[in-house]
PDB file of all heavy atoms in Angstrom:
ATOM      1  N   ILE A   1       0.836  -1.200   0.000  1.00  0.00           N
ATOM      2  CA  ILE A   1       0.000   0.000   0.000  1.00  0.00           C
ATOM      3  C   ILE A   1       0.871   1.251   0.000  1.00  0.00           C
ATOM      4  O   ILE A   1       0.615   2.207  -0.739  1.00  0.00           O
ATOM      5  CB  ILE A   1      -0.941  -0.002   1.218  1.00  0.00           C
ATOM      6  CG1 ILE A   1      -1.994  -1.101   1.065  1.00  0.00           C
ATOM      7  CG2 ILE A   1      -1.619   1.360   1.387  1.00  0.00           C
ATOM      8  CD1 ILE A   1      -2.873  -1.286   2.284  1.00  0.00           C
ATOM      9  N   ALA A   2       1.911   1.251   0.842  1.00  0.00           N
ATOM     10  CA  ALA A   2       2.820   2.398   0.906  1.00  0.00           C
ATOM     11  C   ALA A   2       3.519   2.613  -0.439  1.00  0.00           C
ATOM     12  O   ALA A   2       3.660   3.754  -0.903  1.00  0.00           O
ATOM     13  CB  ALA A   2       3.852   2.184   2.014  1.00  0.00           C
ATOM     14  N   GLN A   3       3.936   1.516  -1.067  1.00  0.00           N
ATOM     15  CA  GLN A   3       4.622   1.622  -2.352  1.00  0.00           C
ATOM     16  C   GLN A   3       3.685   2.143  -3.431  1.00  0.00           C
ATOM     17  O   GLN A   3       4.053   3.005  -4.235  1.00  0.00           O
ATOM     18  CB  GLN A   3       5.177   0.253  -2.762  1.00  0.00           C
ATOM     19  CG  GLN A   3       6.009   0.278  -4.040  1.00  0.00           C
ATOM     20  CD  GLN A   3       7.235   1.169  -3.912  1.00  0.00           C
ATOM     21  OE1 GLN A   3       7.828   1.264  -2.845  1.00  0.00           O
ATOM     22  NE2 GLN A   3       7.596   1.839  -4.994  1.00  0.00           N
ATOM     23  N   ARG A   4       2.450   1.638  -3.460  1.00  0.00           N
ATOM     24  CA  ARG A   4       1.483   2.102  -4.455  1.00  0.00           C
ATOM     25  C   ARG A   4       1.164   3.575  -4.262  1.00  0.00           C
ATOM     26  O   ARG A   4       0.998   4.328  -5.230  1.00  0.00           O
ATOM     27  CB  ARG A   4       0.195   1.266  -4.366  1.00  0.00           C
ATOM     28  CG  ARG A   4       0.344  -0.152  -4.892  1.00  0.00           C
ATOM     29  CD  ARG A   4      -1.022  -0.784  -5.135  1.00  0.00           C
ATOM     30  NE  ARG A   4      -1.774  -0.955  -3.911  1.00  0.00           N
ATOM     31  CZ  ARG A   4      -1.754  -2.054  -3.170  1.00  0.00           C
ATOM     32  NH1 ARG A   4      -1.001  -3.088  -3.527  1.00  0.00           N
ATOM     33  NH2 ARG A   4      -2.476  -2.145  -2.075  1.00  0.00           N
ATOM     34  N   THR A   5       1.086   4.000  -2.995  1.00  0.00           N
ATOM     35  CA  THR A   5       0.808   5.407  -2.705  1.00  0.00           C
ATOM     36  C   THR A   5       1.938   6.290  -3.203  1.00  0.00           C
ATOM     37  O   THR A   5       1.712   7.341  -3.834  1.00  0.00           O
ATOM     38  CB  THR A   5       0.615   5.614  -1.194  1.00  0.00           C
ATOM     39  OG1 THR A   5      -0.467   4.795  -0.737  1.00  0.00           O
ATOM     40  CG2 THR A   5       0.312   7.073  -0.880  1.00  0.00           C
ATOM     41  N   LYS A   6       3.184   5.887  -2.945  1.00  0.00           N
ATOM     42  CA  LYS A   6       4.335   6.659  -3.408  1.00  0.00           C
ATOM     43  C   LYS A   6       4.365   6.755  -4.927  1.00  0.00           C
ATOM     44  O   LYS A   6       4.650   7.814  -5.497  1.00  0.00           O
ATOM     45  CB  LYS A   6       5.630   6.020  -2.896  1.00  0.00           C
ATOM     46  CG  LYS A   6       5.844   6.153  -1.398  1.00  0.00           C
ATOM     47  CD  LYS A   6       7.129   5.469  -0.962  1.00  0.00           C
ATOM     48  CE  LYS A   6       7.332   5.561   0.543  1.00  0.00           C
ATOM     49  NZ  LYS A   6       8.571   4.854   0.975  1.00  0.00           N
ATOM     50  N   GLU A   7       4.080   5.644  -5.593  1.00  0.00           N
ATOM     51  CA  GLU A   7       4.085   5.639  -7.057  1.00  0.00           C
ATOM     52  C   GLU A   7       2.989   6.539  -7.618  1.00  0.00           C
ATOM     53  O   GLU A   7       3.202   7.257  -8.597  1.00  0.00           O
ATOM     54  CB  GLU A   7       3.908   4.208  -7.567  1.00  0.00           C
ATOM     55  CG  GLU A   7       5.108   3.303  -7.278  1.00  0.00           C
ATOM     56  CD  GLU A   7       4.848   1.861  -7.656  1.00  0.00           C
ATOM     57  OE1 GLU A   7       3.696   1.546  -8.037  1.00  0.00           O
ATOM     58  OE2 GLU A   7       5.792   1.045  -7.584  1.00  0.00           O
ATOM     59  N   ALA A   8       1.803   6.498  -7.000  1.00  0.00           N
ATOM     60  CA  ALA A   8       0.691   7.327  -7.460  1.00  0.00           C
ATOM     61  C   ALA A   8       1.011   8.807  -7.279  1.00  0.00           C
ATOM     62  O   ALA A   8       0.737   9.636  -8.160  1.00  0.00           O
ATOM     63  CB  ALA A   8      -0.580   6.959  -6.710  1.00  0.00           C
ATOM     64  N   LEU A   9       1.601   9.163  -6.129  1.00  0.00           N
ATOM     65  CA  LEU A   9       1.969  10.553  -5.881  1.00  0.00           C
ATOM     66  C   LEU A   9       3.038  11.017  -6.860  1.00  0.00           C
ATOM     67  O   LEU A   9       3.004  12.160  -7.339  1.00  0.00           O
ATOM     68  CB  LEU A   9       2.463  10.706  -4.439  1.00  0.00           C
ATOM     69  CG  LEU A   9       1.422  10.515  -3.340  1.00  0.00           C
ATOM     70  CD1 LEU A   9       2.078  10.567  -1.961  1.00  0.00           C
ATOM     71  CD2 LEU A   9       0.337  11.569  -3.442  1.00  0.00           C
ATOM     72  N   ALA A  10       3.988  10.126  -7.162  1.00  0.00           N
ATOM     73  CA  ALA A  10       5.046  10.466  -8.109  1.00  0.00           C
ATOM     74  C   ALA A  10       4.473  10.719  -9.508  1.00  0.00           C
ATOM     75  O   ALA A  10       4.889  11.647 -10.209  1.00  0.00           O
ATOM     76  CB  ALA A  10       6.095   9.357  -8.158  1.00  0.00           C
ATOM     77  N   ARG A  11       3.500   9.898  -9.917  1.00  0.00           N
ATOM     78  CA  ARG A  11       2.868  10.081 -11.223  1.00  0.00           C
ATOM     79  C   ARG A  11       2.113  11.392 -11.290  1.00  0.00           C
ATOM     80  O   ARG A  11       2.174  12.118 -12.287  1.00  0.00           O
ATOM     81  CB  ARG A  11       1.917   8.918 -11.517  1.00  0.00           C
ATOM     82  CG  ARG A  11       2.612   7.616 -11.899  1.00  0.00           C
ATOM     83  CD  ARG A  11       1.646   6.648 -12.559  1.00  0.00           C
ATOM     84  NE  ARG A  11       0.544   6.325 -11.677  1.00  0.00           N
ATOM     85  CZ  ARG A  11       0.566   5.315 -10.807  1.00  0.00           C
ATOM     86  NH1 ARG A  11       1.641   4.538 -10.708  1.00  0.00           N
ATOM     87  NH2 ARG A  11      -0.465   5.069 -10.032  1.00  0.00           N
ATOM     88  N   CYS A  12       1.385  11.703 -10.210  1.00  0.00           N
ATOM     89  CA  CYS A  12       0.639  12.965 -10.168  1.00  0.00           C
ATOM     90  C   CYS A  12       1.570  14.156 -10.260  1.00  0.00           C
ATOM     91  O   CYS A  12       1.311  15.123 -10.983  1.00  0.00           O
ATOM     92  CB  CYS A  12      -0.187  13.046  -8.884  1.00  0.00           C
ATOM     93  SG  CYS A  12      -1.577  11.889  -8.824  1.00  0.00           S
ATOM     94  N   LYS A  13       2.680  14.074  -9.529  1.00  0.00           N
ATOM     95  CA  LYS A  13       3.638  15.168  -9.543  1.00  0.00           C
ATOM     96  C   LYS A  13       4.264  15.329 -10.918  1.00  0.00           C
ATOM     97  O   LYS A  13       4.442  16.444 -11.415  1.00  0.00           O
ATOM     98  CB  LYS A  13       4.724  14.909  -8.499  1.00  0.00           C
ATOM     99  CG  LYS A  13       5.684  16.071  -8.308  1.00  0.00           C
ATOM    100  CD  LYS A  13       6.654  15.797  -7.171  1.00  0.00           C
ATOM    101  CE  LYS A  13       7.590  16.987  -6.965  1.00  0.00           C
ATOM    102  NZ  LYS A  13       8.537  16.719  -5.853  1.00  0.00           N
ATOM    103  N   ALA A  14       4.572  14.190 -11.558  1.00  0.00           N
ATOM    104  CA  ALA A  14       5.161  14.229 -12.899  1.00  0.00           C
ATOM    105  C   ALA A  14       4.183  14.799 -13.923  1.00  0.00           C
ATOM    106  O   ALA A  14       4.581  15.454 -14.889  1.00  0.00           O
ATOM    107  CB  ALA A  14       5.593  12.826 -13.313  1.00  0.00           C
ATOM    108  N   ASP A  15       2.880  14.572 -13.703  1.00  0.00           N
ATOM    109  CA  ASP A  15       1.859  15.075 -14.625  1.00  0.00           C
ATOM    110  C   ASP A  15       1.455  16.507 -14.315  1.00  0.00           C
ATOM    111  O   ASP A  15       0.559  17.065 -14.965  1.00  0.00           O
ATOM    112  CB  ASP A  15       0.610  14.183 -14.570  1.00  0.00           C
ATOM    113  CG  ASP A  15       0.886  12.788 -15.122  1.00  0.00           C
ATOM    114  OD1 ASP A  15       1.859  12.654 -15.894  1.00  0.00           O
ATOM    115  OD2 ASP A  15       0.141  11.853 -14.774  1.00  0.00           O
ATOM    116  N   GLY A  16       2.069  17.081 -13.289  1.00  0.00           N
ATOM    117  CA  GLY A  16       1.778  18.467 -12.946  1.00  0.00           C
ATOM    118  C   GLY A  16       0.506  18.656 -12.154  1.00  0.00           C
ATOM    119  O   GLY A  16      -0.030  19.766 -12.066  1.00  0.00           O
ATOM    120  N   ILE A  17       0.009  17.572 -11.566  1.00  0.00           N
ATOM    121  CA  ILE A  17      -1.214  17.662 -10.769  1.00  0.00           C
ATOM    122  C   ILE A  17      -0.872  18.178  -9.384  1.00  0.00           C
ATOM    123  O   ILE A  17       0.009  17.645  -8.713  1.00  0.00           O
ATOM    124  CB  ILE A  17      -1.900  16.288 -10.659  1.00  0.00           C
ATOM    125  CG1 ILE A  17      -2.275  15.785 -12.058  1.00  0.00           C
ATOM    126  CG2 ILE A  17      -3.127  16.361  -9.763  1.00  0.00           C
ATOM    127  CD1 ILE A  17      -2.845  14.382 -12.051  1.00  0.00           C
ATOM    128  N   LYS A  18      -1.569  19.195  -8.952  1.00  0.00           N
ATOM    129  CA  LYS A  18      -1.327  19.769  -7.637  1.00  0.00           C
ATOM    130  C   LYS A  18      -1.907  18.859  -6.563  1.00  0.00           C
ATOM    131  O   LYS A  18      -3.077  18.487  -6.614  1.00  0.00           O
ATOM    132  CB  LYS A  18      -1.965  21.156  -7.537  1.00  0.00           C
ATOM    133  CG  LYS A  18      -1.584  21.895  -6.252  1.00  0.00           C
ATOM    134  CD  LYS A  18      -2.142  23.303  -6.256  1.00  0.00           C
ATOM    135  CE  LYS A  18      -1.737  24.056  -4.992  1.00  0.00           C
ATOM    136  NZ  LYS A  18      -2.274  25.425  -4.969  1.00  0.00           N
ATOM    137  N   LEU A  19      -1.074  18.476  -5.618  1.00  0.00           N
ATOM    138  CA  LEU A  19      -1.488  17.563  -4.565  1.00  0.00           C
ATOM    139  C   LEU A  19      -1.998  18.316  -3.345  1.00  0.00           C
ATOM    140  O   LEU A  19      -1.728  19.499  -3.169  1.00  0.00           O
ATOM    141  CB  LEU A  19      -0.314  16.661  -4.163  1.00  0.00           C
ATOM    142  CG  LEU A  19       0.311  15.842  -5.297  1.00  0.00           C
ATOM    143  CD1 LEU A  19       1.530  15.094  -4.805  1.00  0.00           C
ATOM    144  CD2 LEU A  19      -0.714  14.872  -5.887  1.00  0.00           C
ATOM    145  N   GLY A  20      -2.709  17.604  -2.486  1.00  0.00           N
ATOM    146  CA  GLY A  20      -3.211  18.209  -1.259  1.00  0.00           C
ATOM    147  C   GLY A  20      -4.672  18.609  -1.383  1.00  0.00           C
ATOM    148  O   GLY A  20      -5.281  18.534  -2.448  1.00  0.00           O
ATOM    149  N   ARG A  21      -5.224  19.067  -0.277  1.00  0.00           N
ATOM    150  CA  ARG A  21      -6.629  19.455  -0.247  1.00  0.00           C
ATOM    151  C   ARG A  21      -6.866  20.685  -1.093  1.00  0.00           C
ATOM    152  O   ARG A  21      -6.090  21.640  -1.056  1.00  0.00           O
ATOM    153  CB  ARG A  21      -7.061  19.747   1.201  1.00  0.00           C
ATOM    154  CG  ARG A  21      -8.530  20.174   1.318  1.00  0.00           C
ATOM    155  CD  ARG A  21      -8.907  20.390   2.776  1.00  0.00           C
ATOM    156  NE  ARG A  21      -8.103  21.440   3.393  1.00  0.00           N
ATOM    157  CZ  ARG A  21      -8.359  22.738   3.279  1.00  0.00           C
ATOM    158  NH1 ARG A  21      -9.382  23.157   2.559  1.00  0.00           N
ATOM    159  NH2 ARG A  21      -7.596  23.625   3.888  1.00  0.00           N
ATOM    160  N   ARG A  22      -7.926  20.661  -1.857  1.00  0.00           N
ATOM    161  CA  ARG A  22      -8.264  21.831  -2.649  1.00  0.00           C
ATOM    162  C   ARG A  22      -8.669  22.984  -1.736  1.00  0.00           C
ATOM    163  O   ARG A  22      -9.418  22.779  -0.780  1.00  0.00           O
ATOM    164  CB  ARG A  22      -9.424  21.509  -3.598  1.00  0.00           C
ATOM    165  CG  ARG A  22      -9.038  20.564  -4.717  1.00  0.00           C
ATOM    166  CD  ARG A  22     -10.229  20.232  -5.568  1.00  0.00           C
ATOM    167  NE  ARG A  22     -11.206  19.486  -4.778  1.00  0.00           N
ATOM    168  CZ  ARG A  22     -12.384  19.088  -5.260  1.00  0.00           C
ATOM    169  NH1 ARG A  22     -12.719  19.354  -6.493  1.00  0.00           N
ATOM    170  NH2 ARG A  22     -13.212  18.417  -4.487  1.00  0.00           N
ATOM    171  N   PRO A  23      -8.194  24.186  -2.000  1.00  0.00           N
ATOM    172  CA  PRO A  23      -8.531  25.335  -1.148  1.00  0.00           C
ATOM    173  C   PRO A  23     -10.035  25.499  -1.001  1.00  0.00           C
ATOM    174  O   PRO A  23     -10.776  25.447  -1.985  1.00  0.00           O
ATOM    175  CB  PRO A  23      -7.914  26.520  -1.906  1.00  0.00           C
ATOM    176  CG  PRO A  23      -6.818  25.906  -2.730  1.00  0.00           C
ATOM    177  CD  PRO A  23      -7.329  24.557  -3.123  1.00  0.00           C
ATOM    178  N   GLY A  24     -10.455  25.677   0.231  1.00  0.00           N
ATOM    179  CA  GLY A  24     -11.858  25.946   0.485  1.00  0.00           C
ATOM    180  C   GLY A  24     -12.735  24.722   0.583  1.00  0.00           C
ATOM    181  O   GLY A  24     -13.933  24.836   0.814  1.00  0.00           O
ATOM    182  N   ARG A  25     -12.161  23.526   0.417  1.00  0.00           N
ATOM    183  CA  ARG A  25     -12.992  22.330   0.428  1.00  0.00           C
ATOM    184  C   ARG A  25     -13.678  22.118   1.764  1.00  0.00           C
ATOM    185  O   ARG A  25     -14.876  21.880   1.837  1.00  0.00           O
ATOM    186  CB  ARG A  25     -12.139  21.101   0.081  1.00  0.00           C
ATOM    187  CG  ARG A  25     -12.957  19.829  -0.020  1.00  0.00           C
ATOM    188  CD  ARG A  25     -12.078  18.678  -0.416  1.00  0.00           C
ATOM    189  NE  ARG A  25     -12.851  17.449  -0.482  1.00  0.00           N
ATOM    190  CZ  ARG A  25     -12.322  16.264  -0.747  1.00  0.00           C
ATOM    191  NH1 ARG A  25     -11.027  16.138  -0.970  1.00  0.00           N
ATOM    192  NH2 ARG A  25     -13.085  15.187  -0.793  1.00  0.00           N
ATOM    193  N   THR A  26     -12.886  22.213   2.851  1.00  0.00           N
ATOM    194  CA  THR A  26     -13.474  22.038   4.177  1.00  0.00           C
ATOM    195  C   THR A  26     -14.476  23.138   4.483  1.00  0.00           C
ATOM    196  O   THR A  26     -15.517  22.912   5.064  1.00  0.00           O
ATOM    197  CB  THR A  26     -12.367  22.030   5.251  1.00  0.00           C
ATOM    198  OG1 THR A  26     -11.463  20.971   4.958  1.00  0.00           O
ATOM    199  CG2 THR A  26     -12.958  21.830   6.629  1.00  0.00           C
ATOM    200  N   VAL A  27     -14.137  24.367   4.047  1.00  0.00           N
ATOM    201  CA  VAL A  27     -15.031  25.491   4.265  1.00  0.00           C
ATOM    202  C   VAL A  27     -16.371  25.225   3.606  1.00  0.00           C
ATOM    203  O   VAL A  27     -17.427  25.416   4.186  1.00  0.00           O
ATOM    204  CB  VAL A  27     -14.399  26.785   3.701  1.00  0.00           C
ATOM    205  CG1 VAL A  27     -15.406  27.923   3.758  1.00  0.00           C
ATOM    206  CG2 VAL A  27     -13.156  27.145   4.492  1.00  0.00           C
ATOM    207  N   ASN A  28     -16.335  24.760   2.358  1.00  0.00           N
ATOM    208  CA  ASN A  28     -17.570  24.507   1.630  1.00  0.00           C
ATOM    209  C   ASN A  28     -18.425  23.468   2.342  1.00  0.00           C
ATOM    210  O   ASN A  28     -19.640  23.625   2.459  1.00  0.00           O
ATOM    211  CB  ASN A  28     -17.249  24.026   0.208  1.00  0.00           C
ATOM    212  CG  ASN A  28     -16.654  25.132  -0.642  1.00  0.00           C
ATOM    213  OD1 ASN A  28     -16.806  26.296  -0.318  1.00  0.00           O
ATOM    214  ND2 ASN A  28     -15.980  24.770  -1.709  1.00  0.00           N
ATOM    215  N   VAL A  29     -17.809  22.417   2.819  1.00  0.00           N
ATOM    216  CA  VAL A  29     -18.554  21.327   3.439  1.00  0.00           C
ATOM    217  C   VAL A  29     -19.189  21.766   4.753  1.00  0.00           C
ATOM    218  O   VAL A  29     -20.347  21.474   5.019  1.00  0.00           O
ATOM    219  CB  VAL A  29     -17.625  20.117   3.683  1.00  0.00           C
ATOM    220  CG1 VAL A  29     -18.339  19.049   4.498  1.00  0.00           C
ATOM    221  CG2 VAL A  29     -17.152  19.539   2.360  1.00  0.00           C
ATOM    222  N   ARG A  30     -18.445  22.457   5.560  1.00  0.00           N
ATOM    223  CA  ARG A  30     -18.915  22.774   6.909  1.00  0.00           C
ATOM    224  C   ARG A  30     -19.712  24.083   7.000  1.00  0.00           C
ATOM    225  O   ARG A  30     -20.632  24.181   7.802  1.00  0.00           O
ATOM    226  CB  ARG A  30     -17.720  22.869   7.861  1.00  0.00           C
ATOM    227  CG  ARG A  30     -17.001  21.542   8.081  1.00  0.00           C
ATOM    228  CD  ARG A  30     -17.873  20.549   8.821  1.00  0.00           C
ATOM    229  NE  ARG A  30     -17.163  19.320   9.112  1.00  0.00           N
ATOM    230  CZ  ARG A  30     -16.421  19.126  10.176  1.00  0.00           C
ATOM    231  NH1 ARG A  30     -16.284  20.087  11.069  1.00  0.00           N
ATOM    232  NH2 ARG A  30     -15.801  17.971  10.358  1.00  0.00           N
ATOM    233  N   LEU A  31     -19.347  25.092   6.210  1.00  0.00           N
ATOM    234  CA  LEU A  31     -19.900  26.425   6.418  1.00  0.00           C
ATOM    235  C   LEU A  31     -20.836  26.906   5.317  1.00  0.00           C
ATOM    236  O   LEU A  31     -21.669  27.769   5.571  1.00  0.00           O
ATOM    237  CB  LEU A  31     -18.765  27.438   6.591  1.00  0.00           C
ATOM    238  CG  LEU A  31     -17.824  27.175   7.768  1.00  0.00           C
ATOM    239  CD1 LEU A  31     -16.742  28.230   7.824  1.00  0.00           C
ATOM    240  CD2 LEU A  31     -18.581  27.123   9.079  1.00  0.00           C
ATOM    241  N   THR A  32     -20.700  26.371   4.108  1.00  0.00           N
ATOM    242  CA  THR A  32     -21.560  26.813   3.019  1.00  0.00           C
ATOM    243  C   THR A  32     -23.020  26.566   3.355  1.00  0.00           C
ATOM    244  O   THR A  32     -23.395  25.491   3.818  1.00  0.00           O
ATOM    245  CB  THR A  32     -21.204  26.072   1.716  1.00  0.00           C
ATOM    246  OG1 THR A  32     -19.872  26.414   1.341  1.00  0.00           O
ATOM    247  CG2 THR A  32     -22.144  26.469   0.595  1.00  0.00           C
ATOM    248  N   GLY A  33     -23.829  27.593   3.129  1.00  0.00           N
ATOM    249  CA  GLY A  33     -25.247  27.490   3.447  1.00  0.00           C
ATOM    250  C   GLY A  33     -25.597  28.112   4.780  1.00  0.00           C
ATOM    251  O   GLY A  33     -26.774  28.260   5.113  1.00  0.00           O
ATOM    252  N   HIS A  34     -24.550  28.478   5.543  1.00  0.00           N
ATOM    253  CA  HIS A  34     -24.776  29.077   6.867  1.00  0.00           C
ATOM    254  C   HIS A  34     -24.347  30.550   6.891  1.00  0.00           C
ATOM    255  O   HIS A  34     -24.089  31.106   7.951  1.00  0.00           O
ATOM    256  CB  HIS A  34     -23.998  28.307   7.936  1.00  0.00           C
ATOM    257  CG  HIS A  34     -24.425  26.882   8.071  1.00  0.00           C
ATOM    258  ND1 HIS A  34     -25.592  26.505   8.700  1.00  0.00           N
ATOM    259  CD2 HIS A  34     -23.842  25.734   7.636  1.00  0.00           C
ATOM    260  CE1 HIS A  34     -25.708  25.191   8.668  1.00  0.00           C
ATOM    261  NE2 HIS A  34     -24.665  24.691   8.018  1.00  0.00           N
ATOM    262  N   GLU A  35     -24.298  31.177   5.699  1.00  0.00           N
ATOM    263  CA  GLU A  35     -23.823  32.563   5.629  1.00  0.00           C
ATOM    264  C   GLU A  35     -24.649  33.509   6.505  1.00  0.00           C
ATOM    265  O   GLU A  35     -24.100  34.334   7.233  1.00  0.00           O
ATOM    266  CB  GLU A  35     -23.842  33.055   4.166  1.00  0.00           C
ATOM    267  CG  GLU A  35     -22.764  32.447   3.280  1.00  0.00           C
ATOM    268  CD  GLU A  35     -23.181  31.107   2.703  1.00  0.00           C
ATOM    269  OE1 GLU A  35     -24.255  30.580   3.093  1.00  0.00           O
ATOM    270  OE2 GLU A  35     -22.443  30.587   1.856  1.00  0.00           O
TER     271      GLU A  35
END
């Protein structure tokens, strides 16, 4: 599992995919609709 995860992250990085949580994702889930 650890090896597959490392390989997947390496492929994403090589393809220029930005890793990590998308900005505002947690905000949207928890706070959106409560303005």
